[in-house]
Structure formats: structure tokens, C-alpha cells
């Protein structure tokens, strides 16, 4: 276990974790699944937050927790089974209500094969509402602005009222939940990609995915998911809470042909 309580701000500004792409992290084509790579990034972020004393155990004492609000992932190359990667993460910026966290995914030769930008806010778990970032949070997050090799914009994804050709209705089950008792962001990503069929996935792989997380999904909620094409390789996906008819997620994906 890392002696994180002895680390200085400089030592935790850039956080790195190494992973091996195991069988549980790959898709049927032998490439790392996007869900698997998102898991690696999430674990790296969790460990980094713990190192800065701003992790789950630190915030839960005040009934608060970090939640992801927007995310963009761009993958230049996808690692294969048994390959080793390094995920590095750092805080790009903070405001009174939001923290921006960036990621690099590197191959064994230390080449960047993927990048990501995420935005996070803190919610009060009793009120289920966002709160301003406490001063102890703002003072204890070391920032590294401008490190990403390519600028990623966390844009607002437009909502479409267009009637889909088909939609999928499903319920939130216990295994979808995390420690905050709502659906984990990785499961949202899985749901988005599950809307693309076997034949399409055999020909194309994800190049980029953008997600706006608009609301919580809780145990027993009935959700409706549908995906609409922008072009042959770009799609918009929305997930709506059937009971409230409000969107809880909007996503935009871009795909490229497999080599």
C-alpha cells in the first residue's frame, strides 16, 4: 500500500497506475473494451483522490461524494489482450463548483494511445444535490494545466426529440450500483455501447465517446435507451427515465473501421 499520507503536493500532482489488459478487460475481438479502459481510468482517479486526501473515505464523513458530470474519451489506438498500459491522471482546473480531471493512456513504449477529459462535482448524499467545492478541496488539488496533447472540449450534447426507429426499455438492477447507491458511470458507458449490434462492432471500433451525465439512475428505475445516426459513423444516444420522462444521459460516439 502506498504511504500516501507522506507524499507532497508535487509528488501527487501527476498520478500513474500500471495495468495489464486481462481477459476481463477485453471484448470478443481481443481488443480492450471501452468499459475496461474506463475502469482503469476510474481506478487511477480513485487512487489519486485518496492520495490527495479527497477520496471517498475523506468525503463520506461529511455525507459528500464526487460524481462525474461530463466525459470525453479519444482513442488513437486500442491495446490488446496481455498488453501493458500506464494510465496517468492530473487535475487540469477547478472552479467553485467543478473540477476538471485529464488522463493519458500510454503503451509499453510510453507512447500516448488515448486521452480523456472529465468534469466532476461534489454532491450532498442526503439532499442528492451539488454543493460548492469546499476550500480544503480547492487548496489540496495540485493543478497541471495544458498537459493534454490535444484540446478536448466538454461540450453540451444537444437533445433530440426525434422519434427513434426502436428503443430499449430496461430496469436498473443491484449490480449497476456503486457505493453512492446510484448507477456507476462505467455502466452508463456500457449501456451506450450496447446499442450497437454484433455485425457493426465487428467492422468498427470506437474512436471517441462523449457523455453528458444529466441525472442519477437509482435502483428499480425504468430507463429507455435509443440511438440515432448523425452519419454512418457518428451517433447520438439518449437514456431517459421513463417515470419522469427526463433525460439522464446524452452521448455522442464516433467510430472508425477496424484495421
C-alpha atoms as a PDB file:
ATOM      1  CA  UNK A   1       0.000   0.000   0.000  1.00  0.00           C
ATOM      2  CA  UNK A   2       1.278   3.496  -0.835  1.00  0.00           C
ATOM      3  CA  UNK A   3       2.217   5.739   2.077  1.00  0.00           C
ATOM      4  CA  UNK A   4       0.038   8.476   0.672  1.00  0.00           C
ATOM      5  CA  UNK A   5      -0.009  10.495   3.895  1.00  0.00           C
ATOM      6  CA  UNK A   6       3.703  11.224   3.423  1.00  0.00           C
ATOM      7  CA  UNK A   7       3.515  12.433  -0.160  1.00  0.00           C
ATOM      8  CA  UNK A   8       3.955  16.116  -1.004  1.00  0.00           C
ATOM      9  CA  UNK A   9       1.678  18.116  -3.336  1.00  0.00           C
ATOM     10  CA  UNK A  10       4.330  17.921  -6.065  1.00  0.00           C
ATOM     11  CA  UNK A  11       4.517  14.139  -5.760  1.00  0.00           C
ATOM     12  CA  UNK A  12       0.774  13.682  -6.207  1.00  0.00           C
ATOM     13  CA  UNK A  13       0.211  16.260  -8.936  1.00  0.00           C
ATOM     14  CA  UNK A  14       0.669  13.612 -11.638  1.00  0.00           C
ATOM     15  CA  UNK A  15      -0.559  10.137 -10.672  1.00  0.00           C
ATOM     16  CA  UNK A  16       0.297   6.953 -12.567  1.00  0.00           C
ATOM     17  CA  UNK A  17      -1.008   3.382 -12.414  1.00  0.00           C
ATOM     18  CA  UNK A  18       0.063   0.370 -14.467  1.00  0.00           C
ATOM     19  CA  UNK A  19      -2.386  -2.223 -15.810  1.00  0.00           C
ATOM     20  CA  UNK A  20      -2.240  -5.433 -17.802  1.00  0.00           C
ATOM     21  CA  UNK A  21      -5.068  -5.955 -20.284  1.00  0.00           C
ATOM     22  CA  UNK A  22      -6.518  -9.174 -18.901  1.00  0.00           C
ATOM     23  CA  UNK A  23      -9.330 -11.366 -20.216  1.00  0.00           C
ATOM     24  CA  UNK A  24     -11.866  -9.472 -18.083  1.00  0.00           C
ATOM     25  CA  UNK A  25     -10.921  -6.204 -19.790  1.00  0.00           C
ATOM     26  CA  UNK A  26     -11.245  -7.261 -23.443  1.00  0.00           C
ATOM     27  CA  UNK A  27     -14.080  -7.527 -25.946  1.00  0.00           C
ATOM     28  CA  UNK A  28     -14.671 -10.557 -28.225  1.00  0.00           C
ATOM     29  CA  UNK A  29     -12.198  -9.155 -30.787  1.00  0.00           C
ATOM     30  CA  UNK A  30      -9.342  -9.301 -28.288  1.00  0.00           C
ATOM     31  CA  UNK A  31      -9.125  -5.510 -28.001  1.00  0.00           C
ATOM     32  CA  UNK A  32      -9.551  -3.790 -24.660  1.00  0.00           C
ATOM     33  CA  UNK A  33     -13.208  -2.878 -24.193  1.00  0.00           C
ATOM     34  CA  UNK A  34     -14.025   0.781 -23.693  1.00  0.00           C
ATOM     35  CA  UNK A  35     -15.625  -0.244 -20.425  1.00  0.00           C
ATOM     36  CA  UNK A  36     -12.355  -1.935 -19.439  1.00  0.00           C
ATOM     37  CA  UNK A  37     -10.293   1.160 -20.230  1.00  0.00           C
ATOM     38  CA  UNK A  38     -12.793   3.347 -18.370  1.00  0.00           C
ATOM     39  CA  UNK A  39     -12.382   1.024 -15.376  1.00  0.00           C
ATOM     40  CA  UNK A  40      -8.596   1.548 -15.494  1.00  0.00           C
ATOM     41  CA  UNK A  41      -9.063   5.326 -15.612  1.00  0.00           C
ATOM     42  CA  UNK A  42     -11.582   5.226 -12.762  1.00  0.00           C
ATOM     43  CA  UNK A  43      -9.231   3.201 -10.549  1.00  0.00           C
ATOM     44  CA  UNK A  44      -6.396   5.626 -11.275  1.00  0.00           C
ATOM     45  CA  UNK A  45      -8.606   8.604 -10.404  1.00  0.00           C
ATOM     46  CA  UNK A  46      -9.787   6.947  -7.179  1.00  0.00           C
ATOM     47  CA  UNK A  47      -6.225   6.271  -6.048  1.00  0.00           C
ATOM     48  CA  UNK A  48      -5.186   9.802  -6.936  1.00  0.00           C
ATOM     49  CA  UNK A  49      -8.079  11.259  -4.931  1.00  0.00           C
ATOM     50  CA  UNK A  50      -7.120   9.089  -1.974  1.00  0.00           C
ATOM     51  CA  UNK A  51      -3.527  10.324  -2.240  1.00  0.00           C
ATOM     52  CA  UNK A  52      -4.670  13.944  -2.030  1.00  0.00           C
ATOM     53  CA  UNK A  53      -6.967  13.076   0.902  1.00  0.00           C
ATOM     54  CA  UNK A  54     -10.015  13.949  -1.182  1.00  0.00           C
ATOM     55  CA  UNK A  55     -11.266  10.424  -1.844  1.00  0.00           C
ATOM     56  CA  UNK A  56     -14.369   8.502  -0.855  1.00  0.00           C
ATOM     57  CA  UNK A  57     -13.346   7.849   2.755  1.00  0.00           C
ATOM     58  CA  UNK A  58     -12.499  11.523   3.274  1.00  0.00           C
ATOM     59  CA  UNK A  59     -15.727  12.942   1.813  1.00  0.00           C
ATOM     60  CA  UNK A  60     -18.167  10.337   3.120  1.00  0.00           C
ATOM     61  CA  UNK A  61     -17.554  11.568   6.662  1.00  0.00           C
ATOM     62  CA  UNK A  62     -19.435  14.702   5.630  1.00  0.00           C
ATOM     63  CA  UNK A  63     -22.014  12.763   3.570  1.00  0.00           C
ATOM     64  CA  UNK A  64     -20.492  14.030   0.339  1.00  0.00           C
ATOM     65  CA  UNK A  65     -19.130  12.313  -2.762  1.00  0.00           C
ATOM     66  CA  UNK A  66     -17.616  13.047  -6.162  1.00  0.00           C
ATOM     67  CA  UNK A  67     -19.839  12.462  -9.200  1.00  0.00           C
ATOM     68  CA  UNK A  68     -18.910  12.569 -12.872  1.00  0.00           C
ATOM     69  CA  UNK A  69     -20.820  15.139 -14.942  1.00  0.00           C
ATOM     70  CA  UNK A  70     -19.165  15.079 -18.370  1.00  0.00           C
ATOM     71  CA  UNK A  71     -16.598  12.883 -20.083  1.00  0.00           C
ATOM     72  CA  UNK A  72     -14.802  12.639 -23.395  1.00  0.00           C
ATOM     73  CA  UNK A  73     -12.519   9.775 -24.376  1.00  0.00           C
ATOM     74  CA  UNK A  74     -10.496   9.672 -27.600  1.00  0.00           C
ATOM     75  CA  UNK A  75      -8.610   6.508 -28.562  1.00  0.00           C
ATOM     76  CA  UNK A  76      -5.902   6.664 -31.216  1.00  0.00           C
ATOM     77  CA  UNK A  77      -5.096   3.006 -30.673  1.00  0.00           C
ATOM     78  CA  UNK A  78      -6.658   0.274 -28.519  1.00  0.00           C
ATOM     79  CA  UNK A  79      -4.431  -2.142 -26.581  1.00  0.00           C
ATOM     80  CA  UNK A  80      -4.865  -5.879 -26.981  1.00  0.00           C
ATOM     81  CA  UNK A  81      -5.064  -8.811 -24.596  1.00  0.00           C
ATOM     82  CA  UNK A  82      -1.957  -9.186 -22.373  1.00  0.00           C
ATOM     83  CA  UNK A  83      -0.508  -5.833 -23.388  1.00  0.00           C
ATOM     84  CA  UNK A  84       0.542  -3.476 -20.595  1.00  0.00           C
ATOM     85  CA  UNK A  85      -0.550   0.126 -20.310  1.00  0.00           C
ATOM     86  CA  UNK A  86       0.037   3.055 -17.997  1.00  0.00           C
ATOM     87  CA  UNK A  87      -2.754   5.439 -17.087  1.00  0.00           C
ATOM     88  CA  UNK A  88      -1.753   8.840 -15.791  1.00  0.00           C
ATOM     89  CA  UNK A  89      -4.108  11.465 -14.437  1.00  0.00           C
ATOM     90  CA  UNK A  90      -3.971  15.002 -13.098  1.00  0.00           C
ATOM     91  CA  UNK A  91      -6.246  17.912 -12.272  1.00  0.00           C
ATOM     92  CA  UNK A  92      -6.399  20.447 -15.081  1.00  0.00           C
ATOM     93  CA  UNK A  93      -8.505  23.124 -13.415  1.00  0.00           C
ATOM     94  CA  UNK A  94     -11.003  23.836 -10.651  1.00  0.00           C
ATOM     95  CA  UNK A  95     -13.834  26.295 -10.127  1.00  0.00           C
ATOM     96  CA  UNK A  96     -16.105  26.848  -7.141  1.00  0.00           C
ATOM     97  CA  UNK A  97     -18.389  24.069  -8.369  1.00  0.00           C
ATOM     98  CA  UNK A  98     -16.352  21.868 -10.708  1.00  0.00           C
ATOM     99  CA  UNK A  99     -13.047  20.028 -11.044  1.00  0.00           C
ATOM    100  CA  UNK A 100     -11.573  19.090 -14.432  1.00  0.00           C
ATOM    101  CA  UNK A 101      -9.524  15.868 -14.488  1.00  0.00           C
ATOM    102  CA  UNK A 102      -7.492  14.724 -17.507  1.00  0.00           C
ATOM    103  CA  UNK A 103      -5.983  11.357 -18.451  1.00  0.00           C
ATOM    104  CA  UNK A 104      -3.361   9.862 -20.748  1.00  0.00           C
ATOM    105  CA  UNK A 105      -3.278   6.186 -21.687  1.00  0.00           C
ATOM    106  CA  UNK A 106       0.228   5.077 -22.672  1.00  0.00           C
ATOM    107  CA  UNK A 107       1.516   1.860 -24.224  1.00  0.00           C
ATOM    108  CA  UNK A 108       4.592  -0.092 -23.125  1.00  0.00           C
ATOM    109  CA  UNK A 109       6.801   2.269 -25.172  1.00  0.00           C
ATOM    110  CA  UNK A 110       5.397   5.256 -23.268  1.00  0.00           C
ATOM    111  CA  UNK A 111       3.507   6.466 -26.351  1.00  0.00           C
ATOM    112  CA  UNK A 112       0.131   8.131 -25.841  1.00  0.00           C
ATOM    113  CA  UNK A 113      -2.604   5.949 -27.341  1.00  0.00           C
ATOM    114  CA  UNK A 114      -5.606   7.593 -25.694  1.00  0.00           C
ATOM    115  CA  UNK A 115      -6.649  10.745 -23.880  1.00  0.00           C
ATOM    116  CA  UNK A 116      -9.641  11.783 -21.803  1.00  0.00           C
ATOM    117  CA  UNK A 117     -11.110  14.832 -20.093  1.00  0.00           C
ATOM    118  CA  UNK A 118     -13.702  14.628 -17.333  1.00  0.00           C
ATOM    119  CA  UNK A 119     -15.594  17.088 -15.153  1.00  0.00           C
ATOM    120  CA  UNK A 120     -16.611  16.322 -11.578  1.00  0.00           C
ATOM    121  CA  UNK A 121     -18.742  17.923  -8.912  1.00  0.00           C
ATOM    122  CA  UNK A 122     -19.387  17.109  -5.259  1.00  0.00           C
ATOM    123  CA  UNK A 123     -22.922  16.221  -4.152  1.00  0.00           C
ATOM    124  CA  UNK A 124     -24.515  16.091  -0.736  1.00  0.00           C
ATOM    125  CA  UNK A 125     -25.627  12.463  -0.455  1.00  0.00           C
ATOM    126  CA  UNK A 126     -28.601  13.269   1.800  1.00  0.00           C
ATOM    127  CA  UNK A 127     -30.015  16.096  -0.290  1.00  0.00           C
ATOM    128  CA  UNK A 128     -28.770  14.481  -3.561  1.00  0.00           C
ATOM    129  CA  UNK A 129     -27.770  17.967  -4.709  1.00  0.00           C
ATOM    130  CA  UNK A 130     -24.466  19.520  -5.824  1.00  0.00           C
ATOM    131  CA  UNK A 131     -22.533  21.723  -3.419  1.00  0.00           C
ATOM    132  CA  UNK A 132     -19.705  24.197  -3.843  1.00  0.00           C
ATOM    133  CA  UNK A 133     -16.251  22.692  -3.642  1.00  0.00           C
ATOM    134  CA  UNK A 134     -15.024  23.211  -0.056  1.00  0.00           C
ATOM    135  CA  UNK A 135     -11.915  25.349   0.437  1.00  0.00           C
ATOM    136  CA  UNK A 136     -10.000  22.283   1.666  1.00  0.00           C
ATOM    137  CA  UNK A 137     -10.703  20.665  -1.706  1.00  0.00           C
ATOM    138  CA  UNK A 138      -9.645  23.698  -3.752  1.00  0.00           C
ATOM    139  CA  UNK A 139      -6.494  24.113  -1.651  1.00  0.00           C
ATOM    140  CA  UNK A 140      -5.449  20.455  -1.858  1.00  0.00           C
ATOM    141  CA  UNK A 141      -5.810  19.766  -5.576  1.00  0.00           C
ATOM    142  CA  UNK A 142      -2.476  20.375  -7.346  1.00  0.00           C
ATOM    143  CA  UNK A 143      -3.128  21.595 -10.902  1.00  0.00           C
ATOM    144  CA  UNK A 144      -1.294  20.823 -14.155  1.00  0.00           C
ATOM    145  CA  UNK A 145      -2.969  22.906 -16.887  1.00  0.00           C
ATOM    146  CA  UNK A 146      -2.295  22.378 -20.577  1.00  0.00           C
ATOM    147  CA  UNK A 147      -0.744  18.913 -20.371  1.00  0.00           C
ATOM    148  CA  UNK A 148      -3.063  17.124 -22.826  1.00  0.00           C
ATOM    149  CA  UNK A 149      -1.503  16.835 -26.277  1.00  0.00           C
ATOM    150  CA  UNK A 150      -4.857  17.704 -27.862  1.00  0.00           C
ATOM    151  CA  UNK A 151      -7.523  20.050 -26.538  1.00  0.00           C
ATOM    152  CA  UNK A 152     -10.743  18.280 -25.588  1.00  0.00           C
ATOM    153  CA  UNK A 153     -13.908  20.326 -25.150  1.00  0.00           C
ATOM    154  CA  UNK A 154     -16.592  19.039 -22.798  1.00  0.00           C
ATOM    155  CA  UNK A 155     -19.448  20.288 -24.944  1.00  0.00           C
ATOM    156  CA  UNK A 156     -23.134  20.213 -24.174  1.00  0.00           C
ATOM    157  CA  UNK A 157     -24.646  17.458 -26.314  1.00  0.00           C
ATOM    158  CA  UNK A 158     -27.930  18.526 -27.977  1.00  0.00           C
ATOM    159  CA  UNK A 159     -31.131  16.734 -27.011  1.00  0.00           C
ATOM    160  CA  UNK A 160     -33.221  15.464 -29.902  1.00  0.00           C
ATOM    161  CA  UNK A 161     -36.973  14.937 -29.815  1.00  0.00           C
ATOM    162  CA  UNK A 162     -36.755  12.858 -32.979  1.00  0.00           C
ATOM    163  CA  UNK A 163     -38.697   9.629 -32.615  1.00  0.00           C
ATOM    164  CA  UNK A 164     -36.322   6.659 -32.786  1.00  0.00           C
ATOM    165  CA  UNK A 165     -36.795   3.672 -35.049  1.00  0.00           C
ATOM    166  CA  UNK A 166     -36.568   1.483 -31.949  1.00  0.00           C
ATOM    167  CA  UNK A 167     -35.889   1.901 -28.277  1.00  0.00           C
ATOM    168  CA  UNK A 168     -34.791  -0.396 -25.467  1.00  0.00           C
ATOM    169  CA  UNK A 169     -36.531  -0.400 -22.085  1.00  0.00           C
ATOM    170  CA  UNK A 170     -34.728  -1.851 -19.073  1.00  0.00           C
ATOM    171  CA  UNK A 171     -34.552  -1.598 -15.288  1.00  0.00           C
ATOM    172  CA  UNK A 172     -31.690  -0.592 -13.000  1.00  0.00           C
ATOM    173  CA  UNK A 173     -30.591  -3.664 -11.031  1.00  0.00           C
ATOM    174  CA  UNK A 174     -28.464  -4.055  -7.908  1.00  0.00           C
ATOM    175  CA  UNK A 175     -25.242  -4.857  -9.807  1.00  0.00           C
ATOM    176  CA  UNK A 176     -25.482  -1.497 -11.627  1.00  0.00           C
ATOM    177  CA  UNK A 177     -24.981   0.448  -8.373  1.00  0.00           C
ATOM    178  CA  UNK A 178     -21.863   1.792  -6.696  1.00  0.00           C
ATOM    179  CA  UNK A 179     -21.060   2.964  -3.150  1.00  0.00           C
ATOM    180  CA  UNK A 180     -23.159   6.083  -3.668  1.00  0.00           C
ATOM    181  CA  UNK A 181     -26.215   3.876  -4.347  1.00  0.00           C
ATOM    182  CA  UNK A 182     -26.638   5.128  -7.902  1.00  0.00           C
ATOM    183  CA  UNK A 183     -25.580   3.736 -11.265  1.00  0.00           C
ATOM    184  CA  UNK A 184     -21.815   3.804 -11.737  1.00  0.00           C
ATOM    185  CA  UNK A 185     -20.612   5.854 -14.723  1.00  0.00           C
ATOM    186  CA  UNK A 186     -18.948   2.803 -16.285  1.00  0.00           C
ATOM    187  CA  UNK A 187     -22.332   1.086 -16.543  1.00  0.00           C
ATOM    188  CA  UNK A 188     -23.729   4.098 -18.405  1.00  0.00           C
ATOM    189  CA  UNK A 189     -20.893   3.705 -20.891  1.00  0.00           C
ATOM    190  CA  UNK A 190     -21.693   0.002 -21.264  1.00  0.00           C
ATOM    191  CA  UNK A 191     -25.359   0.805 -21.912  1.00  0.00           C
ATOM    192  CA  UNK A 192     -24.460   3.304 -24.642  1.00  0.00           C
ATOM    193  CA  UNK A 193     -22.196   0.871 -26.485  1.00  0.00           C
ATOM    194  CA  UNK A 194     -24.670  -1.999 -26.116  1.00  0.00           C
ATOM    195  CA  UNK A 195     -26.938  -0.203 -28.592  1.00  0.00           C
ATOM    196  CA  UNK A 196     -24.558  -1.157 -31.428  1.00  0.00           C
ATOM    197  CA  UNK A 197     -25.032  -4.662 -32.791  1.00  0.00           C
ATOM    198  CA  UNK A 198     -22.598  -7.523 -33.293  1.00  0.00           C
ATOM    199  CA  UNK A 199     -22.130  -7.001 -37.026  1.00  0.00           C
ATOM    200  CA  UNK A 200     -21.395  -3.285 -36.634  1.00  0.00           C
ATOM    201  CA  UNK A 201     -18.962  -3.905 -33.763  1.00  0.00           C
ATOM    202  CA  UNK A 202     -17.093  -6.493 -35.851  1.00  0.00           C
ATOM    203  CA  UNK A 203     -16.428  -3.853 -38.527  1.00  0.00           C
ATOM    204  CA  UNK A 204     -15.939  -0.704 -36.444  1.00  0.00           C
ATOM    205  CA  UNK A 205     -14.342   0.322 -33.187  1.00  0.00           C
ATOM    206  CA  UNK A 206     -14.899   3.411 -31.051  1.00  0.00           C
ATOM    207  CA  UNK A 207     -12.692   6.385 -31.878  1.00  0.00           C
ATOM    208  CA  UNK A 208     -14.274   8.820 -29.441  1.00  0.00           C
ATOM    209  CA  UNK A 209     -17.142   8.938 -26.998  1.00  0.00           C
ATOM    210  CA  UNK A 210     -18.647  11.961 -25.287  1.00  0.00           C
ATOM    211  CA  UNK A 211     -21.103  11.681 -22.415  1.00  0.00           C
ATOM    212  CA  UNK A 212     -23.185  14.243 -20.529  1.00  0.00           C
ATOM    213  CA  UNK A 213     -24.407  12.781 -17.234  1.00  0.00           C
ATOM    214  CA  UNK A 214     -27.616  14.702 -16.546  1.00  0.00           C
ATOM    215  CA  UNK A 215     -29.167  12.867 -13.618  1.00  0.00           C
ATOM    216  CA  UNK A 216     -28.976   9.900 -11.303  1.00  0.00           C
ATOM    217  CA  UNK A 217     -30.335   6.463 -12.087  1.00  0.00           C
ATOM    218  CA  UNK A 218     -31.370   4.590  -8.945  1.00  0.00           C
ATOM    219  CA  UNK A 219     -32.314   1.014  -8.131  1.00  0.00           C
ATOM    220  CA  UNK A 220     -35.581  -0.031  -9.743  1.00  0.00           C
ATOM    221  CA  UNK A 221     -35.780   2.919 -12.152  1.00  0.00           C
ATOM    222  CA  UNK A 222     -37.147   2.062 -15.589  1.00  0.00           C
ATOM    223  CA  UNK A 223     -34.982   3.538 -18.322  1.00  0.00           C
ATOM    224  CA  UNK A 224     -35.434   3.926 -22.075  1.00  0.00           C
ATOM    225  CA  UNK A 225     -32.401   3.999 -24.382  1.00  0.00           C
ATOM    226  CA  UNK A 226     -32.314   4.904 -28.065  1.00  0.00           C
ATOM    227  CA  UNK A 227     -29.616   5.758 -30.592  1.00  0.00           C
ATOM    228  CA  UNK A 228     -29.949   7.882 -33.726  1.00  0.00           C
ATOM    229  CA  UNK A 229     -27.390   8.233 -36.543  1.00  0.00           C
ATOM    230  CA  UNK A 230     -25.739  11.543 -37.404  1.00  0.00           C
ATOM    231  CA  UNK A 231     -23.799   9.827 -40.189  1.00  0.00           C
ATOM    232  CA  UNK A 232     -22.661   6.289 -40.961  1.00  0.00           C
ATOM    233  CA  UNK A 233     -20.044   6.515 -38.212  1.00  0.00           C
ATOM    234  CA  UNK A 234     -21.446   9.111 -35.769  1.00  0.00           C
ATOM    235  CA  UNK A 235     -24.368   8.571 -33.428  1.00  0.00           C
ATOM    236  CA  UNK A 236     -26.338  10.258 -30.664  1.00  0.00           C
ATOM    237  CA  UNK A 237     -27.638   8.154 -27.779  1.00  0.00           C
ATOM    238  CA  UNK A 238     -30.028   9.243 -25.054  1.00  0.00           C
ATOM    239  CA  UNK A 239     -31.225   7.465 -21.946  1.00  0.00           C
ATOM    240  CA  UNK A 240     -34.430   8.703 -20.356  1.00  0.00           C
ATOM    241  CA  UNK A 241     -36.035   7.947 -17.008  1.00  0.00           C
ATOM    242  CA  UNK A 242     -39.391   6.515 -18.107  1.00  0.00           C
ATOM    243  CA  UNK A 243     -41.157   7.629 -14.918  1.00  0.00           C
ATOM    244  CA  UNK A 244     -40.108  11.301 -15.112  1.00  0.00           C
ATOM    245  CA  UNK A 245     -39.540  11.469 -18.898  1.00  0.00           C
ATOM    246  CA  UNK A 246     -36.333  13.382 -18.184  1.00  0.00           C
ATOM    247  CA  UNK A 247     -33.014  12.522 -19.856  1.00  0.00           C
ATOM    248  CA  UNK A 248     -30.348  11.212 -17.514  1.00  0.00           C
ATOM    249  CA  UNK A 249     -27.672  10.772 -20.185  1.00  0.00           C
ATOM    250  CA  UNK A 250     -26.780  12.085 -23.629  1.00  0.00           C
ATOM    251  CA  UNK A 251     -23.893  10.632 -25.594  1.00  0.00           C
ATOM    252  CA  UNK A 252     -22.136  11.127 -28.918  1.00  0.00           C
ATOM    253  CA  UNK A 253     -19.937   8.386 -30.369  1.00  0.00           C
ATOM    254  CA  UNK A 254     -17.616   8.341 -33.373  1.00  0.00           C
ATOM    255  CA  UNK A 255     -16.444   5.065 -34.920  1.00  0.00           C
ATOM    256  CA  UNK A 256     -13.697   4.080 -37.361  1.00  0.00           C
ATOM    257  CA  UNK A 257     -13.183   0.943 -39.407  1.00  0.00           C
ATOM    258  CA  UNK A 258     -11.064  -1.751 -37.783  1.00  0.00           C
ATOM    259  CA  UNK A 259      -7.712  -2.382 -39.380  1.00  0.00           C
END
